[in-house]
Amino acid sequence: MALRKTPSSLLETSTENVHGEILAEQAASLGRAGAKMEAALQRLKAFDANQIRSDRQALVGAAANAAWAFFVQRDVMGLRDQDKVIAHYDIPGEVLCRIGERIKK
């Protein structure tokens, strides 16, 4: 005799599936935001290391915007400790100050 799932167990299974999909999308979104931030920080470091011709302030601004977006994404997910992220990505104080200016506006 086959066991039938009750309506409540079907709802639980569906809810678990949706929750899993939401977590997967959050992780993918955070990964994309992290990649954007990392690329912006690399462009800034390349400028500083090689004096590549470019507008440095634009690079600092782009890095600050990308880092701010990454921090917001983490905050929405309940990940509020930014110190480890700052250390891991070696985010310069100049970029962090620019984020602070953005928040004050």
Protein backbone atom coordinates (compact mmCIF):
# COMPACT_ATOMS: atom_id res chain seq x y z
CA MET A 1 0.00 0.00 0.00
CA ALA A 2 1.47 3.34 -1.09
CA LEU A 3 1.55 6.15 1.41
CA ARG A 4 -0.17 9.31 0.31
CA LYS A 5 1.18 12.69 1.20
CA THR A 6 -1.16 14.90 3.15
CA PRO A 7 -1.90 18.42 1.92
CA SER A 8 0.20 19.83 4.77
CA SER A 9 3.20 17.65 3.89
CA LEU A 10 2.89 18.71 0.23
CA LEU A 11 2.86 22.35 1.36
CA GLU A 12 5.95 21.78 3.53
CA THR A 13 7.78 20.17 0.61
CA SER A 14 6.82 23.04 -1.71
CA THR A 15 7.87 25.60 0.89
CA GLU A 16 11.22 23.85 1.36
CA ASN A 17 11.77 23.83 -2.41
CA VAL A 18 11.00 27.55 -2.72
CA HIS A 19 13.20 28.35 0.27
CA GLY A 20 16.05 26.39 -1.35
CA GLU A 21 15.61 28.31 -4.60
CA ILE A 22 15.63 31.63 -2.73
CA LEU A 23 18.85 30.70 -0.91
CA ALA A 24 20.46 29.67 -4.19
CA GLU A 25 19.51 32.98 -5.82
CA GLN A 26 20.77 34.94 -2.81
CA ALA A 27 24.10 33.12 -3.01
CA ALA A 28 24.37 33.72 -6.75
CA SER A 29 23.47 37.39 -6.35
CA LEU A 30 26.04 37.83 -3.59
CA GLY A 31 28.62 36.13 -5.79
CA ARG A 32 27.91 38.52 -8.67
CA ALA A 33 28.13 41.55 -6.36
CA GLY A 34 31.40 40.25 -4.93
CA ALA A 35 32.84 39.73 -8.39
CA LYS A 36 31.92 43.29 -9.39
CA MET A 37 33.50 44.68 -6.24
CA GLU A 38 36.63 42.58 -6.71
CA ALA A 39 37.00 43.74 -10.33
CA ALA A 40 36.62 47.40 -9.33
CA LEU A 41 39.21 47.01 -6.56
CA GLN A 42 41.59 45.28 -8.98
CA ARG A 43 41.30 48.17 -11.46
CA LEU A 44 42.13 50.60 -8.66
CA LYS A 45 45.13 48.50 -7.54
CA ALA A 46 46.34 48.20 -11.14
CA PHE A 47 46.24 51.97 -11.45
CA ASP A 48 48.23 52.42 -8.25
CA ALA A 49 50.77 49.73 -9.16
CA ASN A 50 51.32 50.61 -12.80
CA GLN A 51 50.14 54.18 -13.07
CA ILE A 52 47.80 53.17 -15.88
CA ARG A 53 46.35 56.25 -17.57
CA SER A 54 42.88 56.69 -16.20
CA ASP A 55 40.90 58.91 -13.90
CA ARG A 56 41.83 57.61 -10.45
CA GLN A 57 38.90 59.29 -8.69
CA ALA A 58 36.52 57.54 -11.07
CA LEU A 59 38.13 54.22 -10.12
CA VAL A 60 37.81 55.01 -6.41
CA GLY A 61 34.16 55.93 -6.95
CA ALA A 62 33.45 52.76 -8.91
CA ALA A 63 35.13 50.64 -6.22
CA ALA A 64 33.12 52.42 -3.50
CA ASN A 65 29.86 51.89 -5.39
CA ALA A 66 30.61 48.19 -5.92
CA ALA A 67 31.68 47.69 -2.29
CA TRP A 68 28.59 49.52 -1.03
CA ALA A 69 26.33 47.32 -3.19
CA PHE A 70 28.11 44.21 -1.88
CA PHE A 71 27.72 45.37 1.73
CA VAL A 72 24.02 46.08 1.19
CA GLN A 73 23.53 42.63 -0.37
CA ARG A 74 25.24 41.01 2.62
CA ASP A 75 23.21 43.11 5.06
CA VAL A 76 19.94 42.05 3.45
CA MET A 77 21.02 38.45 3.95
CA GLY A 78 21.73 39.10 7.64
CA LEU A 79 25.52 39.11 7.22
CA ARG A 80 26.40 42.33 9.02
CA ASP A 81 30.07 41.85 9.99
CA GLN A 82 31.91 43.78 7.27
CA ASP A 83 35.36 43.69 8.95
CA LYS A 84 36.21 40.27 7.53
CA VAL A 85 35.12 41.35 4.04
CA ILE A 86 37.22 44.53 4.28
CA ALA A 87 40.27 42.49 5.32
CA HIS A 88 39.70 39.69 2.79
CA TYR A 89 39.33 42.04 -0.18
CA ASP A 90 41.88 44.52 1.22
CA ILE A 91 39.49 47.41 0.67
CA PRO A 92 41.43 50.68 0.99
CA GLY A 93 40.36 53.24 3.56
CA GLU A 94 39.89 55.74 0.76
CA VAL A 95 37.18 53.51 -0.75
CA LEU A 96 35.55 52.99 2.65
CA CYS A 97 35.49 56.76 3.23
CA ARG A 98 33.75 57.21 -0.10
CA ILE A 99 31.12 54.68 1.00
CA GLY A 100 30.63 56.73 4.18
CA GLU A 101 30.13 59.86 2.10
CA ARG A 102 27.50 58.03 0.05
CA ILE A 103 25.61 56.96 3.18
CA LYS A 104 25.57 60.51 4.59
CA LYS A 105 23.85 61.92 1.47
